[in-house]
Amino acid sequence: MAALLERELGVKAELVEGSLGEFNVLVGEQAVAKKGLIFFPPDKKVLAAVRKALAGLSID
């Protein structure tokens, strides 16, 4: 997922190891995508959520 985010959106993604089965995508401090009880979110859904979150960030 980190490579996909970097390739598709041109953002530097940091992969942080969590607990077993954990999957969260953060933009800043905001979680924009999470693994459900069983399934991972589709790549397209994660990309859309990250795009939306990045559009709301102010650039100083």
N, C-alpha and C. Protein backbone atom coordinates (compact mmCIF):
# COMPACT_ATOMS: atom_id res chain seq x y z
N MET A 1 0.83 -1.19 0.00
CA MET A 1 0.00 0.00 0.00
C MET A 1 0.87 1.26 0.00
N ALA A 2 1.97 1.24 0.75
CA ALA A 2 2.85 2.41 0.78
C ALA A 2 3.38 2.72 -0.62
N ALA A 3 3.80 1.69 -1.34
CA ALA A 3 4.31 1.89 -2.70
C ALA A 3 3.22 2.40 -3.63
N LEU A 4 2.01 1.91 -3.48
CA LEU A 4 0.88 2.36 -4.30
C LEU A 4 0.59 3.84 -4.04
N LEU A 5 0.57 4.24 -2.79
CA LEU A 5 0.32 5.64 -2.45
C LEU A 5 1.41 6.55 -3.02
N GLU A 6 2.64 6.10 -2.94
CA GLU A 6 3.75 6.90 -3.48
C GLU A 6 3.65 6.99 -5.00
N ARG A 7 3.34 5.87 -5.65
CA ARG A 7 3.27 5.85 -7.11
C ARG A 7 2.06 6.63 -7.63
N GLU A 8 0.90 6.42 -7.05
CA GLU A 8 -0.33 7.02 -7.56
C GLU A 8 -0.53 8.48 -7.14
N LEU A 9 -0.10 8.81 -5.92
CA LEU A 9 -0.37 10.15 -5.40
C LEU A 9 0.89 11.01 -5.24
N GLY A 10 2.04 10.39 -5.38
CA GLY A 10 3.29 11.14 -5.25
C GLY A 10 3.57 11.59 -3.83
N VAL A 11 3.06 10.87 -2.85
CA VAL A 11 3.30 11.23 -1.46
C VAL A 11 4.27 10.24 -0.83
N LYS A 12 5.03 10.69 0.12
CA LYS A 12 5.94 9.82 0.86
C LYS A 12 5.12 9.10 1.91
N ALA A 13 5.06 7.79 1.82
CA ALA A 13 4.29 7.00 2.77
C ALA A 13 5.26 6.26 3.69
N GLU A 14 4.95 6.28 4.95
CA GLU A 14 5.78 5.59 5.95
C GLU A 14 5.04 4.35 6.42
N LEU A 15 5.70 3.22 6.34
CA LEU A 15 5.12 1.97 6.79
C LEU A 15 5.55 1.73 8.23
N VAL A 16 4.57 1.61 9.11
CA VAL A 16 4.84 1.39 10.54
C VAL A 16 4.21 0.07 10.93
N GLU A 17 5.01 -0.81 11.49
CA GLU A 17 4.50 -2.11 11.90
C GLU A 17 3.58 -1.97 13.10
N GLY A 18 2.42 -2.60 13.00
CA GLY A 18 1.46 -2.58 14.10
C GLY A 18 1.28 -3.99 14.64
N SER A 19 0.17 -4.19 15.31
CA SER A 19 -0.10 -5.51 15.85
C SER A 19 -0.64 -6.42 14.74
N LEU A 20 -0.68 -7.68 14.99
CA LEU A 20 -1.11 -8.68 14.03
C LEU A 20 -2.50 -8.35 13.49
N GLY A 21 -2.63 -8.26 12.16
CA GLY A 21 -3.91 -7.99 11.53
C GLY A 21 -4.32 -6.53 11.51
N GLU A 22 -3.50 -5.66 12.04
CA GLU A 22 -3.85 -4.23 12.07
C GLU A 22 -3.52 -3.58 10.73
N PHE A 23 -4.41 -2.72 10.25
CA PHE A 23 -4.18 -1.97 9.02
C PHE A 23 -4.91 -0.64 9.16
N ASN A 24 -4.15 0.44 9.29
CA ASN A 24 -4.69 1.78 9.37
C ASN A 24 -3.89 2.67 8.44
N VAL A 25 -4.57 3.56 7.74
CA VAL A 25 -3.90 4.54 6.90
C VAL A 25 -4.18 5.90 7.50
N LEU A 26 -3.12 6.59 7.88
CA LEU A 26 -3.24 7.91 8.50
C LEU A 26 -2.74 8.98 7.55
N VAL A 27 -3.42 10.11 7.58
CA VAL A 27 -2.92 11.32 6.93
C VAL A 27 -2.79 12.32 8.07
N GLY A 28 -1.55 12.59 8.43
CA GLY A 28 -1.31 13.36 9.65
C GLY A 28 -1.73 12.51 10.83
N GLU A 29 -2.60 13.05 11.64
CA GLU A 29 -3.10 12.31 12.81
C GLU A 29 -4.45 11.64 12.53
N GLN A 30 -5.01 11.89 11.36
CA GLN A 30 -6.35 11.41 11.02
C GLN A 30 -6.31 10.05 10.33
N ALA A 31 -7.05 9.08 10.89
CA ALA A 31 -7.20 7.77 10.25
C ALA A 31 -8.21 7.92 9.12
N VAL A 32 -7.78 7.62 7.89
CA VAL A 32 -8.67 7.77 6.74
C VAL A 32 -9.13 6.43 6.17
N ALA A 33 -8.48 5.34 6.55
CA ALA A 33 -8.88 4.00 6.11
C ALA A 33 -8.41 2.99 7.16
N LYS A 34 -9.26 2.00 7.41
CA LYS A 34 -8.94 0.96 8.38
C LYS A 34 -9.42 -0.39 7.86
N LYS A 35 -8.78 -1.42 8.35
CA LYS A 35 -9.22 -2.78 8.05
C LYS A 35 -10.50 -3.03 8.82
N GLY A 36 -11.45 -3.68 8.15
CA GLY A 36 -12.68 -4.07 8.82
C GLY A 36 -12.42 -5.27 9.72
N LEU A 37 -13.47 -5.87 10.18
CA LEU A 37 -13.36 -7.04 11.05
C LEU A 37 -12.58 -8.16 10.37
N ILE A 38 -12.81 -8.34 9.08
CA ILE A 38 -12.15 -9.42 8.35
C ILE A 38 -11.38 -8.91 7.14
N PHE A 39 -11.96 -7.97 6.40
CA PHE A 39 -11.42 -7.58 5.10
C PHE A 39 -10.65 -6.27 5.13
N PHE A 40 -9.63 -6.19 4.27
CA PHE A 40 -8.91 -4.95 4.03
C PHE A 40 -9.73 -4.09 3.08
N PRO A 41 -9.64 -2.77 3.19
CA PRO A 41 -10.37 -1.93 2.24
C PRO A 41 -9.74 -2.04 0.85
N PRO A 42 -10.54 -1.91 -0.20
CA PRO A 42 -9.99 -1.97 -1.56
C PRO A 42 -9.02 -0.81 -1.80
N ASP A 43 -8.03 -1.06 -2.65
CA ASP A 43 -7.03 -0.03 -2.96
C ASP A 43 -7.67 1.27 -3.42
N LYS A 44 -8.67 1.18 -4.30
CA LYS A 44 -9.32 2.38 -4.82
C LYS A 44 -9.96 3.21 -3.70
N LYS A 45 -10.52 2.53 -2.73
CA LYS A 45 -11.16 3.23 -1.61
C LYS A 45 -10.12 3.94 -0.75
N VAL A 46 -8.99 3.29 -0.52
CA VAL A 46 -7.91 3.90 0.27
C VAL A 46 -7.35 5.11 -0.48
N LEU A 47 -7.09 4.96 -1.77
CA LEU A 47 -6.57 6.09 -2.57
C LEU A 47 -7.53 7.27 -2.53
N ALA A 48 -8.81 7.02 -2.67
CA ALA A 48 -9.81 8.09 -2.64
C ALA A 48 -9.83 8.78 -1.28
N ALA A 49 -9.74 8.01 -0.21
CA ALA A 49 -9.76 8.59 1.13
C ALA A 49 -8.52 9.44 1.39
N VAL A 50 -7.38 8.98 0.92
CA VAL A 50 -6.14 9.75 1.10
C VAL A 50 -6.20 11.03 0.26
N ARG A 51 -6.66 10.93 -0.97
CA ARG A 51 -6.80 12.12 -1.84
C ARG A 51 -7.69 13.16 -1.16
N LYS A 52 -8.82 12.71 -0.64
CA LYS A 52 -9.77 13.62 0.02
C LYS A 52 -9.13 14.27 1.23
N ALA A 53 -8.43 13.50 2.03
CA ALA A 53 -7.78 14.05 3.24
C ALA A 53 -6.68 15.04 2.86
N LEU A 54 -5.92 14.73 1.83
CA LEU A 54 -4.84 15.63 1.41
C LEU A 54 -5.40 16.93 0.85
N ALA A 55 -6.54 16.87 0.20
CA ALA A 55 -7.16 18.08 -0.36
C ALA A 55 -7.61 19.03 0.75
N GLY A 56 -7.90 18.47 1.92
CA GLY A 56 -8.33 19.29 3.04
C GLY A 56 -7.21 19.87 3.87
N LEU A 57 -5.96 19.46 3.59
CA LEU A 57 -4.82 19.97 4.34
C LEU A 57 -4.42 21.32 3.81
N SER A 58 -4.07 22.23 4.71
CA SER A 58 -3.55 23.52 4.26
C SER A 58 -2.03 23.39 4.06
N ILE A 59 -1.53 24.03 3.04
CA ILE A 59 -0.10 23.99 2.75
C ILE A 59 0.48 25.34 3.13
N ASP A 60 1.41 25.33 4.08
CA ASP A 60 2.04 26.58 4.54
C ASP A 60 3.36 26.81 3.88
